């Protein structure tokens, strides 16, 4: 077999290396006389001037003390990466940054006492982070947030005694979360919820003595949960349920009792 020959060295035979990292012009960089000579930045690898998030991240990882100087940079990604390393004092000056990626970093790093400033941020991810980090006793300020995902985080963290205000939340998933956390003695408040997913969660947790109102639920999945967990003596109408799966589950448990 004839060996493969190397391509000719003409310009048409050489393809550009599209995987090569971008390299900034060091001649315009203010760090060329100190960091470059000290090995604390490397063209094409550790560089703050190039439009490359990876290289900028490596730069601030090596030189975190310089992050404050880039907090007001014109390039949003440079500001967002610098925000991970800036001092707490400088962090507070970025609260009104026009880019949501910068504010998302702030929502993760701001001290708890300053977080409420971002509770009305226009970006959902910022508010989600606020709902996740605020102390449970302060997260209620987001209970009426226009985005269901933010409210779901609130429903997961709100003190149980203050969950009642979310029983009528317009979103099904939020109410499922509420049904998963409400005290057992209050679960009956969601027994007639319009969404089957909520009533299924209620059926999984409700006290046996309060389950009567669910035995005739229009959704077979709700009745199946009851057939699986109610004491045999309370199965009642489920033994003759119109749904074959519900009926079979209830009858199988009844038969086990008689064995």
C-alpha atoms as a PDB file:
ATOM      1  CA  UNK A   1       0.000   0.000   0.000  1.00  0.00           C
ATOM      2  CA  UNK A   2       1.360   3.374  -0.965  1.00  0.00           C
ATOM      3  CA  UNK A   3       2.042   5.537   2.101  1.00  0.00           C
ATOM      4  CA  UNK A   4      -0.111   8.609   2.567  1.00  0.00           C
ATOM      5  CA  UNK A   5       1.713  11.690   1.375  1.00  0.00           C
ATOM      6  CA  UNK A   6       1.718  14.921   3.331  1.00  0.00           C
ATOM      7  CA  UNK A   7      -0.167  17.724   1.599  1.00  0.00           C
ATOM      8  CA  UNK A   8       1.799  20.272  -0.347  1.00  0.00           C
ATOM      9  CA  UNK A   9       2.719  23.445   1.502  1.00  0.00           C
ATOM     10  CA  UNK A  10       0.835  25.751  -0.853  1.00  0.00           C
ATOM     11  CA  UNK A  11      -1.707  28.110   0.662  1.00  0.00           C
ATOM     12  CA  UNK A  12      -4.621  26.155  -0.836  1.00  0.00           C
ATOM     13  CA  UNK A  13      -3.499  22.950   0.895  1.00  0.00           C
ATOM     14  CA  UNK A  14      -3.378  24.345   4.421  1.00  0.00           C
ATOM     15  CA  UNK A  15      -6.690  24.536   6.282  1.00  0.00           C
ATOM     16  CA  UNK A  16      -7.020  26.923   9.201  1.00  0.00           C
ATOM     17  CA  UNK A  17      -7.114  25.364  12.656  1.00  0.00           C
ATOM     18  CA  UNK A  18     -10.643  26.240  13.716  1.00  0.00           C
ATOM     19  CA  UNK A  19      -9.984  24.782  17.166  1.00  0.00           C
ATOM     20  CA  UNK A  20      -7.187  27.248  17.926  1.00  0.00           C
ATOM     21  CA  UNK A  21      -8.112  29.571  20.814  1.00  0.00           C
ATOM     22  CA  UNK A  22      -8.452  33.297  20.109  1.00  0.00           C
ATOM     23  CA  UNK A  23      -5.436  35.410  20.975  1.00  0.00           C
ATOM     24  CA  UNK A  24      -5.599  39.077  21.970  1.00  0.00           C
ATOM     25  CA  UNK A  25      -3.091  41.728  20.942  1.00  0.00           C
ATOM     26  CA  UNK A  26      -0.747  42.111  23.914  1.00  0.00           C
ATOM     27  CA  UNK A  27       0.503  45.436  22.528  1.00  0.00           C
ATOM     28  CA  UNK A  28      -2.747  47.081  23.682  1.00  0.00           C
ATOM     29  CA  UNK A  29      -2.939  45.322  27.054  1.00  0.00           C
ATOM     30  CA  UNK A  30      -2.175  47.268  30.250  1.00  0.00           C
ATOM     31  CA  UNK A  31      -0.819  44.082  31.827  1.00  0.00           C
ATOM     32  CA  UNK A  32       1.906  43.429  29.257  1.00  0.00           C
ATOM     33  CA  UNK A  33       4.691  44.878  31.415  1.00  0.00           C
ATOM     34  CA  UNK A  34       3.831  43.137  34.682  1.00  0.00           C
ATOM     35  CA  UNK A  35       1.515  40.093  34.521  1.00  0.00           C
ATOM     36  CA  UNK A  36       2.813  38.904  31.176  1.00  0.00           C
ATOM     37  CA  UNK A  37       6.453  39.043  32.254  1.00  0.00           C
ATOM     38  CA  UNK A  38       5.573  37.394  35.576  1.00  0.00           C
ATOM     39  CA  UNK A  39       3.739  34.524  33.900  1.00  0.00           C
ATOM     40  CA  UNK A  40       0.393  35.474  35.435  1.00  0.00           C
ATOM     41  CA  UNK A  41      -1.259  35.776  32.030  1.00  0.00           C
ATOM     42  CA  UNK A  42      -0.690  33.779  28.850  1.00  0.00           C
ATOM     43  CA  UNK A  43      -1.843  34.776  25.349  1.00  0.00           C
ATOM     44  CA  UNK A  44      -4.429  32.299  24.113  1.00  0.00           C
ATOM     45  CA  UNK A  45      -4.905  30.708  27.552  1.00  0.00           C
ATOM     46  CA  UNK A  46      -5.044  33.092  30.517  1.00  0.00           C
ATOM     47  CA  UNK A  47      -6.155  36.450  29.169  1.00  0.00           C
ATOM     48  CA  UNK A  48      -8.598  39.168  30.194  1.00  0.00           C
ATOM     49  CA  UNK A  49      -8.544  41.131  26.935  1.00  0.00           C
ATOM     50  CA  UNK A  50      -9.746  38.413  24.581  1.00  0.00           C
ATOM     51  CA  UNK A  51     -13.452  37.754  23.897  1.00  0.00           C
ATOM     52  CA  UNK A  52     -13.306  34.305  25.484  1.00  0.00           C
ATOM     53  CA  UNK A  53     -15.137  33.437  28.672  1.00  0.00           C
ATOM     54  CA  UNK A  54     -12.791  30.539  29.430  1.00  0.00           C
ATOM     55  CA  UNK A  55      -9.660  32.638  29.158  1.00  0.00           C
ATOM     56  CA  UNK A  56     -11.173  35.479  31.178  1.00  0.00           C
ATOM     57  CA  UNK A  57     -12.202  33.038  33.911  1.00  0.00           C
ATOM     58  CA  UNK A  58      -8.664  31.638  34.064  1.00  0.00           C
ATOM     59  CA  UNK A  59      -7.285  35.182  34.275  1.00  0.00           C
ATOM     60  CA  UNK A  60      -9.365  36.126  37.308  1.00  0.00           C
ATOM     61  CA  UNK A  61      -8.710  32.774  38.919  1.00  0.00           C
ATOM     62  CA  UNK A  62      -4.994  33.575  38.753  1.00  0.00           C
ATOM     63  CA  UNK A  63      -5.404  37.309  39.461  1.00  0.00           C
ATOM     64  CA  UNK A  64      -8.527  37.717  41.655  1.00  0.00           C
ATOM     65  CA  UNK A  65      -7.297  41.007  43.130  1.00  0.00           C
ATOM     66  CA  UNK A  66      -7.733  42.659  39.710  1.00  0.00           C
ATOM     67  CA  UNK A  67     -11.439  41.828  39.421  1.00  0.00           C
ATOM     68  CA  UNK A  68     -12.602  45.120  40.958  1.00  0.00           C
ATOM     69  CA  UNK A  69     -10.901  47.034  38.135  1.00  0.00           C
ATOM     70  CA  UNK A  70     -13.140  45.262  35.597  1.00  0.00           C
ATOM     71  CA  UNK A  71     -16.481  45.643  37.396  1.00  0.00           C
ATOM     72  CA  UNK A  72     -17.427  48.481  35.035  1.00  0.00           C
ATOM     73  CA  UNK A  73     -16.037  46.941  31.843  1.00  0.00           C
ATOM     74  CA  UNK A  74     -18.014  47.474  28.626  1.00  0.00           C
ATOM     75  CA  UNK A  75     -18.072  43.713  27.825  1.00  0.00           C
ATOM     76  CA  UNK A  76     -20.912  42.031  29.757  1.00  0.00           C
ATOM     77  CA  UNK A  77     -19.176  38.656  30.021  1.00  0.00           C
ATOM     78  CA  UNK A  78     -16.041  40.239  31.445  1.00  0.00           C
ATOM     79  CA  UNK A  79     -18.179  41.983  34.090  1.00  0.00           C
ATOM     80  CA  UNK A  80     -20.098  38.791  34.851  1.00  0.00           C
ATOM     81  CA  UNK A  81     -16.931  36.765  35.382  1.00  0.00           C
ATOM     82  CA  UNK A  82     -15.259  39.552  37.347  1.00  0.00           C
ATOM     83  CA  UNK A  83     -18.353  39.652  39.592  1.00  0.00           C
ATOM     84  CA  UNK A  84     -17.433  36.192  40.871  1.00  0.00           C
ATOM     85  CA  UNK A  85     -14.215  37.605  42.311  1.00  0.00           C
ATOM     86  CA  UNK A  86     -14.861  41.261  43.169  1.00  0.00           C
ATOM     87  CA  UNK A  87     -14.847  42.449  46.765  1.00  0.00           C
ATOM     88  CA  UNK A  88     -18.119  42.695  48.693  1.00  0.00           C
ATOM     89  CA  UNK A  89     -17.923  46.475  48.562  1.00  0.00           C
ATOM     90  CA  UNK A  90     -17.648  46.495  44.771  1.00  0.00           C
ATOM     91  CA  UNK A  91     -20.342  43.819  44.501  1.00  0.00           C
ATOM     92  CA  UNK A  92     -22.925  46.237  45.871  1.00  0.00           C
ATOM     93  CA  UNK A  93     -22.197  48.718  43.068  1.00  0.00           C
ATOM     94  CA  UNK A  94     -23.288  46.127  40.473  1.00  0.00           C
ATOM     95  CA  UNK A  95     -26.875  45.703  41.697  1.00  0.00           C
ATOM     96  CA  UNK A  96     -28.197  47.900  38.869  1.00  0.00           C
ATOM     97  CA  UNK A  97     -26.011  46.302  36.183  1.00  0.00           C
ATOM     98  CA  UNK A  98     -27.945  46.210  32.871  1.00  0.00           C
ATOM     99  CA  UNK A  99     -27.022  42.573  32.134  1.00  0.00           C
ATOM    100  CA  UNK A 100     -28.916  39.765  33.836  1.00  0.00           C
ATOM    101  CA  UNK A 101     -25.880  37.467  33.812  1.00  0.00           C
ATOM    102  CA  UNK A 102     -24.039  39.912  36.049  1.00  0.00           C
ATOM    103  CA  UNK A 103     -27.026  40.218  38.381  1.00  0.00           C
ATOM    104  CA  UNK A 104     -27.339  36.424  38.571  1.00  0.00           C
ATOM    105  CA  UNK A 105     -23.825  36.298  39.977  1.00  0.00           C
ATOM    106  CA  UNK A 106     -24.822  38.989  42.460  1.00  0.00           C
ATOM    107  CA  UNK A 107     -27.869  37.009  43.558  1.00  0.00           C
ATOM    108  CA  UNK A 108     -25.511  34.154  44.380  1.00  0.00           C
ATOM    109  CA  UNK A 109     -22.853  36.250  46.132  1.00  0.00           C
ATOM    110  CA  UNK A 110     -24.562  39.205  47.796  1.00  0.00           C
ATOM    111  CA  UNK A 111     -24.736  39.143  51.585  1.00  0.00           C
ATOM    112  CA  UNK A 112     -28.148  38.022  52.829  1.00  0.00           C
ATOM    113  CA  UNK A 113     -29.000  41.465  54.198  1.00  0.00           C
ATOM    114  CA  UNK A 114     -28.695  42.976  50.684  1.00  0.00           C
ATOM    115  CA  UNK A 115     -30.588  40.247  48.801  1.00  0.00           C
ATOM    116  CA  UNK A 116     -34.042  41.804  49.107  1.00  0.00           C
ATOM    117  CA  UNK A 117     -32.860  44.513  46.683  1.00  0.00           C
ATOM    118  CA  UNK A 118     -33.050  41.898  43.918  1.00  0.00           C
ATOM    119  CA  UNK A 119     -36.472  40.514  44.893  1.00  0.00           C
ATOM    120  CA  UNK A 120     -38.119  42.547  42.116  1.00  0.00           C
ATOM    121  CA  UNK A 121     -35.399  42.017  39.507  1.00  0.00           C
ATOM    122  CA  UNK A 122     -36.833  41.644  35.970  1.00  0.00           C
ATOM    123  CA  UNK A 123     -34.888  38.404  35.425  1.00  0.00           C
ATOM    124  CA  UNK A 124     -36.568  35.233  36.676  1.00  0.00           C
ATOM    125  CA  UNK A 125     -33.313  33.410  37.426  1.00  0.00           C
ATOM    126  CA  UNK A 126     -32.192  36.254  39.650  1.00  0.00           C
ATOM    127  CA  UNK A 127     -35.425  36.068  41.651  1.00  0.00           C
ATOM    128  CA  UNK A 128     -35.204  32.265  41.859  1.00  0.00           C
ATOM    129  CA  UNK A 129     -31.759  32.588  43.442  1.00  0.00           C
ATOM    130  CA  UNK A 130     -33.121  35.184  45.861  1.00  0.00           C
ATOM    131  CA  UNK A 131     -35.967  32.831  46.809  1.00  0.00           C
ATOM    132  CA  UNK A 132     -33.455  30.054  47.330  1.00  0.00           C
ATOM    133  CA  UNK A 133     -31.055  32.079  49.503  1.00  0.00           C
ATOM    134  CA  UNK A 134     -33.284  34.309  51.605  1.00  0.00           C
ATOM    135  CA  UNK A 135     -33.940  33.017  55.121  1.00  0.00           C
ATOM    136  CA  UNK A 136     -37.191  31.034  55.213  1.00  0.00           C
ATOM    137  CA  UNK A 137     -38.856  33.635  57.421  1.00  0.00           C
ATOM    138  CA  UNK A 138     -38.183  36.369  54.815  1.00  0.00           C
ATOM    139  CA  UNK A 139     -38.984  34.531  51.592  1.00  0.00           C
ATOM    140  CA  UNK A 140     -42.687  35.440  51.760  1.00  0.00           C
ATOM    141  CA  UNK A 141     -41.915  38.708  49.964  1.00  0.00           C
ATOM    142  CA  UNK A 142     -41.787  36.609  46.765  1.00  0.00           C
ATOM    143  CA  UNK A 143     -45.012  34.653  47.371  1.00  0.00           C
ATOM    144  CA  UNK A 144     -46.891  36.778  44.811  1.00  0.00           C
ATOM    145  CA  UNK A 145     -44.122  36.759  42.192  1.00  0.00           C
ATOM    146  CA  UNK A 146     -45.489  36.758  38.616  1.00  0.00           C
ATOM    147  CA  UNK A 147     -43.432  33.664  37.706  1.00  0.00           C
ATOM    148  CA  UNK A 148     -44.633  30.242  38.883  1.00  0.00           C
ATOM    149  CA  UNK A 149     -41.089  28.887  39.295  1.00  0.00           C
ATOM    150  CA  UNK A 150     -40.180  31.600  41.789  1.00  0.00           C
ATOM    151  CA  UNK A 151     -43.377  30.912  43.721  1.00  0.00           C
ATOM    152  CA  UNK A 152     -42.603  27.205  43.712  1.00  0.00           C
ATOM    153  CA  UNK A 153     -39.283  27.894  45.419  1.00  0.00           C
ATOM    154  CA  UNK A 154     -41.189  30.007  47.939  1.00  0.00           C
ATOM    155  CA  UNK A 155     -43.671  27.161  48.543  1.00  0.00           C
ATOM    156  CA  UNK A 156     -40.768  24.793  49.226  1.00  0.00           C
ATOM    157  CA  UNK A 157     -39.163  27.065  51.794  1.00  0.00           C
ATOM    158  CA  UNK A 158     -41.909  29.106  53.416  1.00  0.00           C
ATOM    159  CA  UNK A 159     -42.530  28.181  57.057  1.00  0.00           C
ATOM    160  CA  UNK A 160     -45.343  25.634  57.133  1.00  0.00           C
ATOM    161  CA  UNK A 161     -47.561  27.870  59.215  1.00  0.00           C
ATOM    162  CA  UNK A 162     -47.529  30.526  56.488  1.00  0.00           C
ATOM    163  CA  UNK A 163     -48.293  28.263  53.530  1.00  0.00           C
ATOM    164  CA  UNK A 164     -52.023  28.934  53.676  1.00  0.00           C
ATOM    165  CA  UNK A 165     -51.748  32.057  51.521  1.00  0.00           C
ATOM    166  CA  UNK A 166     -50.548  29.842  48.639  1.00  0.00           C
ATOM    167  CA  UNK A 167     -53.407  27.325  48.722  1.00  0.00           C
ATOM    168  CA  UNK A 168     -55.140  29.238  45.908  1.00  0.00           C
ATOM    169  CA  UNK A 169     -52.025  29.850  43.838  1.00  0.00           C
ATOM    170  CA  UNK A 170     -52.933  29.962  40.112  1.00  0.00           C
ATOM    171  CA  UNK A 171     -50.265  27.404  39.169  1.00  0.00           C
ATOM    172  CA  UNK A 172     -50.863  23.659  39.545  1.00  0.00           C
ATOM    173  CA  UNK A 173     -47.242  22.780  40.384  1.00  0.00           C
ATOM    174  CA  UNK A 174     -47.092  25.383  43.114  1.00  0.00           C
ATOM    175  CA  UNK A 175     -50.233  23.939  44.712  1.00  0.00           C
ATOM    176  CA  UNK A 176     -48.777  20.416  44.456  1.00  0.00           C
ATOM    177  CA  UNK A 177     -45.788  21.668  46.443  1.00  0.00           C
ATOM    178  CA  UNK A 178     -48.148  23.254  48.973  1.00  0.00           C
ATOM    179  CA  UNK A 179     -50.111  19.981  49.270  1.00  0.00           C
ATOM    180  CA  UNK A 180     -46.858  18.154  49.918  1.00  0.00           C
ATOM    181  CA  UNK A 181     -45.999  20.433  52.860  1.00  0.00           C
ATOM    182  CA  UNK A 182     -49.265  21.518  54.471  1.00  0.00           C
ATOM    183  CA  UNK A 183     -49.912  20.163  57.959  1.00  0.00           C
ATOM    184  CA  UNK A 184     -52.099  17.044  57.778  1.00  0.00           C
ATOM    185  CA  UNK A 185     -54.917  18.743  59.635  1.00  0.00           C
ATOM    186  CA  UNK A 186     -55.122  21.382  56.881  1.00  0.00           C
ATOM    187  CA  UNK A 187     -54.891  19.129  53.811  1.00  0.00           C
ATOM    188  CA  UNK A 188     -58.672  19.023  53.486  1.00  0.00           C
ATOM    189  CA  UNK A 189     -58.509  22.592  52.184  1.00  0.00           C
ATOM    190  CA  UNK A 190     -57.117  21.205  48.920  1.00  0.00           C
ATOM    191  CA  UNK A 191     -59.425  18.199  48.684  1.00  0.00           C
ATOM    192  CA  UNK A 192     -61.552  19.896  46.017  1.00  0.00           C
ATOM    193  CA  UNK A 193     -58.712  21.418  44.028  1.00  0.00           C
ATOM    194  CA  UNK A 194     -59.562  21.554  40.290  1.00  0.00           C
ATOM    195  CA  UNK A 195     -56.315  19.784  39.294  1.00  0.00           C
ATOM    196  CA  UNK A 196     -56.010  15.988  39.719  1.00  0.00           C
ATOM    197  CA  UNK A 197     -52.257  16.238  40.422  1.00  0.00           C
ATOM    198  CA  UNK A 198     -53.000  18.289  43.531  1.00  0.00           C
ATOM    199  CA  UNK A 199     -55.734  15.921  44.726  1.00  0.00           C
ATOM    200  CA  UNK A 200     -53.421  12.934  44.149  1.00  0.00           C
ATOM    201  CA  UNK A 201     -50.910  14.502  46.518  1.00  0.00           C
ATOM    202  CA  UNK A 202     -53.707  15.106  49.017  1.00  0.00           C
ATOM    203  CA  UNK A 203     -54.814  11.461  48.712  1.00  0.00           C
ATOM    204  CA  UNK A 204     -51.245  10.331  49.430  1.00  0.00           C
ATOM    205  CA  UNK A 205     -51.074  12.245  52.716  1.00  0.00           C
ATOM    206  CA  UNK A 206     -54.538  12.981  54.102  1.00  0.00           C
ATOM    207  CA  UNK A 207     -55.641  11.474  57.408  1.00  0.00           C
ATOM    208  CA  UNK A 208     -57.786   8.393  56.927  1.00  0.00           C
ATOM    209  CA  UNK A 209     -60.696   9.948  58.797  1.00  0.00           C
ATOM    210  CA  UNK A 210     -60.849  12.833  56.315  1.00  0.00           C
ATOM    211  CA  UNK A 211     -60.503  10.779  53.134  1.00  0.00           C
ATOM    212  CA  UNK A 212     -64.230  10.156  52.606  1.00  0.00           C
ATOM    213  CA  UNK A 213     -64.609  13.138  50.326  1.00  0.00           C
ATOM    214  CA  UNK A 214     -62.053  11.650  47.915  1.00  0.00           C
ATOM    215  CA  UNK A 215     -63.592   8.175  47.583  1.00  0.00           C
ATOM    216  CA  UNK A 216     -65.776   9.419  44.724  1.00  0.00           C
ATOM    217  CA  UNK A 217     -63.143  11.650  43.145  1.00  0.00           C
ATOM    218  CA  UNK A 218     -63.662  11.927  39.355  1.00  0.00           C
ATOM    219  CA  UNK A 219     -60.029  11.023  38.647  1.00  0.00           C
ATOM    220  CA  UNK A 220     -59.216   7.303  38.958  1.00  0.00           C
ATOM    221  CA  UNK A 221     -55.629   8.050  39.995  1.00  0.00           C
ATOM    222  CA  UNK A 222     -56.845   9.793  43.145  1.00  0.00           C
ATOM    223  CA  UNK A 223     -59.043   6.817  44.033  1.00  0.00           C
ATOM    224  CA  UNK A 224     -56.156   4.442  43.284  1.00  0.00           C
ATOM    225  CA  UNK A 225     -53.941   6.198  45.835  1.00  0.00           C
ATOM    226  CA  UNK A 226     -56.680   5.692  48.412  1.00  0.00           C
ATOM    227  CA  UNK A 227     -57.122   2.053  47.436  1.00  0.00           C
ATOM    228  CA  UNK A 228     -53.395   1.561  48.023  1.00  0.00           C
ATOM    229  CA  UNK A 229     -53.157   3.188  51.445  1.00  0.00           C
ATOM    230  CA  UNK A 230     -56.492   3.314  53.270  1.00  0.00           C
ATOM    231  CA  UNK A 231     -57.065   0.792  56.038  1.00  0.00           C
ATOM    232  CA  UNK A 232     -58.978  -2.139  54.589  1.00  0.00           C
ATOM    233  CA  UNK A 233     -62.032  -1.374  56.720  1.00  0.00           C
ATOM    234  CA  UNK A 234     -62.332   2.035  55.031  1.00  0.00           C
ATOM    235  CA  UNK A 235     -62.084   0.881  51.402  1.00  0.00           C
ATOM    236  CA  UNK A 236     -65.858   0.934  51.097  1.00  0.00           C
ATOM    237  CA  UNK A 237     -67.041   1.882  47.596  1.00  0.00           C
ATOM    238  CA  UNK A 238     -63.562   1.328  46.168  1.00  0.00           C
ATOM    239  CA  UNK A 239     -64.248  -2.412  46.243  1.00  0.00           C
ATOM    240  CA  UNK A 240     -66.814  -1.830  43.477  1.00  0.00           C
ATOM    241  CA  UNK A 241     -65.072   1.100  41.803  1.00  0.00           C
ATOM    242  CA  UNK A 242     -65.879   1.587  38.090  1.00  0.00           C
ATOM    243  CA  UNK A 243     -62.174   1.680  37.243  1.00  0.00           C
ATOM    244  CA  UNK A 244     -60.694  -1.836  36.930  1.00  0.00           C
ATOM    245  CA  UNK A 245     -57.300  -0.902  38.386  1.00  0.00           C
ATOM    246  CA  UNK A 246     -58.805   0.792  41.422  1.00  0.00           C
ATOM    247  CA  UNK A 247     -61.259  -2.059  41.950  1.00  0.00           C
ATOM    248  CA  UNK A 248     -58.574  -4.726  41.549  1.00  0.00           C
ATOM    249  CA  UNK A 249     -56.247  -2.993  44.040  1.00  0.00           C
ATOM    250  CA  UNK A 250     -58.990  -2.606  46.645  1.00  0.00           C
ATOM    251  CA  UNK A 251     -60.239  -6.188  46.228  1.00  0.00           C
ATOM    252  CA  UNK A 252     -56.707  -7.619  46.397  1.00  0.00           C
ATOM    253  CA  UNK A 253     -56.119  -5.869  49.725  1.00  0.00           C
ATOM    254  CA  UNK A 254     -59.493  -7.032  51.010  1.00  0.00           C
ATOM    255  CA  UNK A 255     -58.666 -10.623  50.025  1.00  0.00           C
ATOM    256  CA  UNK A 256     -55.330 -10.415  51.849  1.00  0.00           C
ATOM    257  CA  UNK A 257     -57.161  -9.496  55.021  1.00  0.00           C
ATOM    258  CA  UNK A 258     -59.380 -12.573  54.768  1.00  0.00           C
ATOM    259  CA  UNK A 259     -56.468 -14.990  54.259  1.00  0.00           C
END
